[in-house]
Amino acid sequence: MTKNHKLLKRLLVVASVALVAVGGLAGCGNSKSKELSTKSITIGVTGGPHEQITQQVKKLAKKDGLDVKIKVFSDYNTPNSSLSSGDLDANSYQTLPFLQQQEKDKNYKFSAAFKTVAFPMGIYSNSLKSLSDLKDGDSIAVPNDPANETRALELFQKAGVLKIKKGVGQNATKNTIASNPKHLKIVELDAAQLPKQLNEVTAAAVNGNYAYSSGLSKKIKPIYHEKYKNNPYPNYFVVAKGHKNDKVIKQLDKYYHSKTVKNYIDKEFGGSVIVSK
């Protein structure tokens, strides 16, 4: 073997060792492998009830030396992308079907740590007193994200307005309707925009948090709604995988389910928001 060949072999060995070392350091530097701090935590929420409730949690945490930083979002997608990128330590705003759909679509690695509250979805109308008053060709609006669209269509189905094809599970859309006797036009809109578009449709299925934050639930009552007790769609406090059992998460769970926070929710929202256990 020539001197040049020996030198080349040594350089290759050194390069291989360096790559292994860098890879090891990168693995050690992954913040997701470290337990979340018990001194400070950043939580993403949607504006309205989730924000208000987390503000109450923040007050309780402060007494125990935990600084809760709250970031408020106006849509359902950014809180999850921010959690995935590491800009948030946790978020609190979504139901389990929505979380599972987002994990499937965007390959997020999250864990649902604990239940927080439920916002029963309601069907609102500025022109109807009952869904039985719907006329042939009227328009109904539903959220356009997969989880909430399924939820809304199931609510219309339960009210006897339409029927969804069997076997579609959590993938119901206006294209999976098996029976629509009144030939209703189904309009898919962003969930946050539904209260503002109520004058453009005959009726709309609106998520409870948006009905409250928009002031809609204070102006009119829903003409049909999900059950309040044991609501099937509780919201969850969500973290990156590996942090579900961190000490600070268990601490926050106690705050969310404390008597202080429950009393606040009962007084502030008058039954439109339900504590989930």
Protein backbone atom coordinates (compact mmCIF):
# COMPACT_ATOMS: atom_id res chain seq x y z
CA MET A 1 0.00 0.00 0.00
CA THR A 2 1.38 3.41 -0.98
CA LYS A 3 1.73 6.36 1.37
CA ASN A 4 -1.12 8.12 -0.46
CA HIS A 5 -3.43 5.13 0.05
CA LYS A 6 -2.57 4.96 3.76
CA LEU A 7 -3.24 8.69 4.16
CA LEU A 8 -6.58 8.40 2.37
CA LYS A 9 -7.61 5.49 4.60
CA ARG A 10 -6.76 7.44 7.76
CA LEU A 11 -8.78 10.46 6.55
CA LEU A 12 -11.81 8.27 5.89
CA VAL A 13 -11.62 6.78 9.41
CA VAL A 14 -11.34 10.24 10.99
CA ALA A 15 -14.32 11.48 8.94
CA SER A 16 -16.45 8.50 9.99
CA VAL A 17 -15.67 9.06 13.68
CA ALA A 18 -16.53 12.74 13.35
CA LEU A 19 -19.91 11.95 11.78
CA VAL A 20 -20.77 9.52 14.58
CA ALA A 21 -19.80 12.12 17.18
CA VAL A 22 -21.92 14.82 15.55
CA GLY A 23 -24.88 12.45 15.33
CA GLY A 24 -24.51 11.62 19.01
CA LEU A 25 -24.41 15.28 19.97
CA ALA A 26 -27.48 16.01 17.87
CA GLY A 27 -29.36 13.24 19.67
CA CYS A 28 -28.36 14.58 23.07
CA GLY A 29 -29.43 18.09 22.05
CA ASN A 30 -33.02 17.06 21.22
CA SER A 31 -35.14 19.09 23.66
CA LYS A 32 -37.99 16.60 23.31
CA SER A 33 -35.93 14.01 25.16
CA LYS A 34 -35.63 16.24 28.22
CA GLU A 35 -38.40 16.60 30.78
CA LEU A 36 -40.29 19.87 30.52
CA SER A 37 -39.31 22.57 33.00
CA THR A 38 -41.25 22.89 36.26
CA LYS A 39 -40.43 26.61 36.33
CA SER A 40 -41.84 27.82 33.00
CA ILE A 41 -44.09 26.41 30.28
CA THR A 42 -45.55 27.89 27.07
CA ILE A 43 -49.09 26.82 26.15
CA GLY A 44 -50.90 27.53 22.89
CA VAL A 45 -54.67 28.12 22.96
CA THR A 46 -57.40 29.46 20.71
CA GLY A 47 -58.96 32.79 21.64
CA GLY A 48 -62.08 32.76 23.80
CA PRO A 49 -62.91 30.16 26.49
CA HIS A 50 -59.67 28.17 26.13
CA GLU A 51 -57.67 31.34 26.65
CA GLN A 52 -59.83 32.46 29.57
CA ILE A 53 -59.62 29.11 31.33
CA THR A 54 -55.86 28.90 30.85
CA GLN A 55 -55.56 32.39 32.37
CA GLN A 56 -57.17 30.98 35.52
CA VAL A 57 -54.73 28.06 35.47
CA LYS A 58 -51.90 30.57 35.11
CA LYS A 59 -52.97 32.31 38.34
CA LEU A 60 -52.93 29.06 40.30
CA ALA A 61 -49.58 28.03 38.82
CA LYS A 62 -47.99 31.37 39.72
CA LYS A 63 -48.68 30.70 43.42
CA ASP A 64 -46.56 27.54 43.13
CA GLY A 65 -43.72 29.26 41.27
CA LEU A 66 -44.67 28.03 37.79
CA ASP A 67 -44.72 30.68 35.06
CA VAL A 68 -47.35 29.83 32.44
CA LYS A 69 -46.85 31.72 29.18
CA ILE A 70 -49.93 31.78 26.92
CA LYS A 71 -49.86 32.16 23.13
CA VAL A 72 -53.25 32.82 21.52
CA PHE A 73 -54.18 31.62 18.01
CA SER A 74 -57.18 32.35 15.82
CA ASP A 75 -57.23 29.05 13.89
CA TYR A 76 -57.13 25.31 14.54
CA ASN A 77 -53.96 24.44 12.61
CA THR A 78 -51.20 26.75 13.85
CA PRO A 79 -51.22 25.58 17.51
CA ASN A 80 -50.23 22.09 16.35
CA SER A 81 -47.58 23.21 13.86
CA SER A 82 -46.13 25.45 16.61
CA LEU A 83 -46.05 22.53 19.04
CA SER A 84 -44.35 20.34 16.46
CA SER A 85 -41.69 22.99 15.73
CA GLY A 86 -40.93 23.48 19.41
CA ASP A 87 -42.34 27.01 19.69
CA LEU A 88 -44.83 25.64 22.23
CA ASP A 89 -44.45 23.15 25.06
CA ALA A 90 -48.13 22.21 24.92
CA ASN A 91 -51.48 23.28 23.54
CA SER A 92 -55.04 23.17 24.81
CA TYR A 93 -57.86 23.51 22.28
CA GLN A 94 -58.62 20.32 20.35
CA THR A 95 -60.78 17.21 20.46
CA LEU A 96 -59.32 13.72 20.08
CA PRO A 97 -60.69 13.08 16.55
CA PHE A 98 -59.20 16.38 15.37
CA LEU A 99 -55.85 15.54 16.99
CA GLN A 100 -55.77 12.07 15.45
CA GLN A 101 -56.60 13.46 11.99
CA GLN A 102 -53.82 16.05 12.26
CA GLU A 103 -51.33 13.37 13.35
CA LYS A 104 -52.32 11.25 10.38
CA ASP A 105 -52.23 14.09 7.84
CA LYS A 106 -49.09 15.84 9.06
CA ASN A 107 -47.17 13.05 10.81
CA TYR A 108 -47.12 14.86 14.15
CA LYS A 109 -45.79 12.96 17.16
CA PHE A 110 -48.07 14.08 19.98
CA SER A 111 -49.72 12.70 23.10
CA ALA A 112 -53.07 13.63 24.61
CA ALA A 113 -52.10 14.24 28.25
CA PHE A 114 -55.50 14.85 29.86
CA LYS A 115 -59.05 16.03 29.19
CA THR A 116 -59.87 19.68 29.86
CA VAL A 117 -63.36 20.88 28.87
CA ALA A 118 -66.09 20.16 26.34
CA PHE A 119 -67.91 22.69 24.16
CA PRO A 120 -71.16 21.11 22.96
CA MET A 121 -71.60 21.91 19.27
CA GLY A 122 -74.86 23.68 18.43
CA ILE A 123 -76.86 24.36 15.30
CA TYR A 124 -77.73 28.07 15.00
CA SER A 125 -80.09 29.94 12.70
CA ASN A 126 -81.24 33.53 12.30
CA SER A 127 -84.40 32.48 10.50
CA LEU A 128 -85.53 29.14 11.95
CA LYS A 129 -86.94 28.17 15.31
CA SER A 130 -86.65 24.45 14.57
CA LEU A 131 -84.83 22.28 12.04
CA SER A 132 -88.22 20.89 11.03
CA ASP A 133 -88.80 24.29 9.40
CA LEU A 134 -86.04 23.70 6.83
CA LYS A 135 -87.35 24.01 3.26
CA ASP A 136 -86.33 22.23 0.10
CA GLY A 137 -83.04 23.63 -1.21
CA ASP A 138 -82.08 25.53 1.96
CA SER A 139 -78.37 25.78 2.80
CA ILE A 140 -76.66 24.47 5.93
CA ALA A 141 -73.05 25.18 6.88
CA VAL A 142 -70.50 22.92 8.56
CA PRO A 143 -66.80 23.27 9.51
CA ASN A 144 -64.45 22.31 6.67
CA ASP A 145 -61.82 20.41 8.69
CA PRO A 146 -62.37 16.62 8.63
CA ALA A 147 -62.96 15.97 12.34
CA ASN A 148 -65.38 18.84 12.90
CA GLU A 149 -67.20 18.32 9.61
CA THR A 150 -67.93 14.73 10.64
CA ARG A 151 -69.06 15.94 14.04
CA ALA A 152 -71.40 18.53 12.48
CA LEU A 153 -72.91 16.14 9.94
CA GLU A 154 -73.48 13.59 12.71
CA LEU A 155 -75.36 16.30 14.62
CA PHE A 156 -77.59 17.04 11.62
CA GLN A 157 -78.09 13.29 11.22
CA LYS A 158 -79.15 12.93 14.84
CA ALA A 159 -81.64 15.74 14.28
CA GLY A 160 -83.17 13.73 11.41
CA VAL A 161 -82.14 16.16 8.67
CA LEU A 162 -79.93 13.81 6.64
CA LYS A 163 -78.20 10.43 6.73
CA ILE A 164 -74.49 9.65 6.33
CA LYS A 165 -73.29 6.62 4.39
CA LYS A 166 -72.37 3.72 6.64
CA GLY A 167 -68.71 2.92 7.21
CA VAL A 168 -67.24 6.37 6.62
CA GLY A 169 -66.22 6.75 10.27
CA GLN A 170 -64.56 10.10 10.96
CA ASN A 171 -64.33 10.94 7.26
CA ALA A 172 -67.84 12.20 6.60
CA THR A 173 -68.20 15.08 4.13
CA LYS A 174 -70.97 16.49 1.94
CA ASN A 175 -69.93 13.81 -0.58
CA THR A 176 -70.69 10.93 1.80
CA ILE A 177 -74.37 11.76 2.36
CA ALA A 178 -76.66 8.77 1.78
CA SER A 179 -79.97 10.59 2.18
CA ASN A 180 -80.84 14.29 1.87
CA PRO A 181 -84.64 14.43 1.49
CA LYS A 182 -84.85 18.25 1.38
CA HIS A 183 -81.97 18.58 -1.11
CA LEU A 184 -80.11 20.83 1.30
CA LYS A 185 -77.01 22.61 0.05
CA ILE A 186 -74.12 21.78 2.37
CA VAL A 187 -71.59 24.61 2.63
CA GLU A 188 -68.13 23.86 4.05
CA LEU A 189 -66.47 26.81 5.81
CA ASP A 190 -63.61 27.48 8.19
CA ALA A 191 -64.91 26.77 11.71
CA ALA A 192 -63.97 30.22 13.01
CA GLN A 193 -65.90 31.93 10.20
CA LEU A 194 -69.23 30.15 10.71
CA PRO A 195 -70.74 32.66 13.20
CA LYS A 196 -69.97 35.53 10.79
CA GLN A 197 -71.56 33.70 7.86
CA LEU A 198 -74.83 32.84 9.58
CA ASN A 199 -76.77 35.40 7.51
CA GLU A 200 -75.55 33.70 4.33
CA VAL A 201 -77.00 30.26 5.16
CA THR A 202 -80.21 28.91 6.68
CA ALA A 203 -78.47 27.14 9.56
CA ALA A 204 -74.94 26.35 10.69
CA ALA A 205 -73.28 23.89 13.06
CA VAL A 206 -70.93 25.98 15.20
CA ASN A 207 -68.26 24.80 17.64
CA GLY A 208 -69.05 25.93 21.18
CA ASN A 209 -65.85 27.94 21.65
CA TYR A 210 -66.48 29.98 18.49
CA ALA A 211 -70.16 30.43 19.34
CA TYR A 212 -69.08 31.92 22.65
CA SER A 213 -66.06 33.99 21.54
CA SER A 214 -68.02 35.52 18.65
CA GLY A 215 -70.87 36.48 20.96
CA LEU A 216 -73.30 34.28 18.99
CA SER A 217 -74.36 32.15 21.97
CA LYS A 218 -75.17 35.33 23.93
CA LYS A 219 -77.46 36.64 21.17
CA ILE A 220 -79.40 33.49 20.27
CA LYS A 221 -79.76 29.95 21.53
CA PRO A 222 -79.00 26.94 19.33
CA ILE A 223 -82.06 25.32 17.79
CA TYR A 224 -80.38 21.93 18.28
CA HIS A 225 -77.23 20.87 20.15
CA GLU A 226 -75.10 17.98 21.35
CA LYS A 227 -75.75 16.64 24.82
CA TYR A 228 -74.16 18.64 27.62
CA LYS A 229 -73.61 15.88 30.17
CA ASN A 230 -70.92 13.35 29.21
CA ASN A 231 -70.32 15.13 25.93
CA PRO A 232 -68.56 12.75 23.49
CA TYR A 233 -66.09 15.39 22.28
CA PRO A 234 -63.94 16.62 25.19
CA ASN A 235 -60.92 18.79 24.44
CA TYR A 236 -57.43 17.67 25.41
CA PHE A 237 -54.22 19.15 26.75
CA VAL A 238 -51.62 18.00 24.21
CA VAL A 239 -47.84 17.64 24.39
CA ALA A 240 -45.07 16.20 22.24
CA LYS A 241 -44.55 12.45 22.63
CA GLY A 242 -42.48 11.58 25.67
CA HIS A 243 -43.84 14.37 27.89
CA LYS A 244 -47.28 13.08 28.88
CA ASN A 245 -46.05 12.00 32.31
CA ASP A 246 -43.73 14.93 33.02
CA LYS A 247 -44.10 16.39 36.51
CA VAL A 248 -45.23 19.79 35.24
CA ILE A 249 -48.00 18.20 33.12
CA LYS A 250 -49.38 16.36 36.14
CA GLN A 251 -49.26 19.66 38.01
CA LEU A 252 -51.23 21.45 35.27
CA ASP A 253 -53.79 18.64 35.22
CA LYS A 254 -54.56 19.37 38.88
CA TYR A 255 -55.00 23.08 38.17
CA TYR A 256 -57.37 22.48 35.24
CA HIS A 257 -59.54 20.20 37.40
CA SER A 258 -59.34 22.25 40.58
CA LYS A 259 -62.43 23.53 42.36
CA THR A 260 -61.29 27.10 41.67
CA VAL A 261 -61.23 26.61 37.90
CA LYS A 262 -64.49 24.62 37.88
CA ASN A 263 -66.27 27.37 39.79
CA TYR A 264 -64.94 29.94 37.33
CA ILE A 265 -66.15 27.90 34.34
CA ASP A 266 -69.62 27.39 35.83
CA LYS A 267 -70.00 31.08 36.64
CA GLU A 268 -68.47 32.52 33.47
CA PHE A 269 -69.98 30.22 30.84
CA GLY A 270 -73.29 29.24 32.41
CA GLY A 271 -73.26 25.62 31.30
CA SER A 272 -72.07 26.15 27.72
CA VAL A 273 -68.63 24.86 28.73
CA ILE A 274 -68.37 21.60 30.67
CA VAL A 275 -65.38 20.35 32.68
CA SER A 276 -64.24 16.94 31.37
CA LYS A 277 -62.58 14.31 33.53
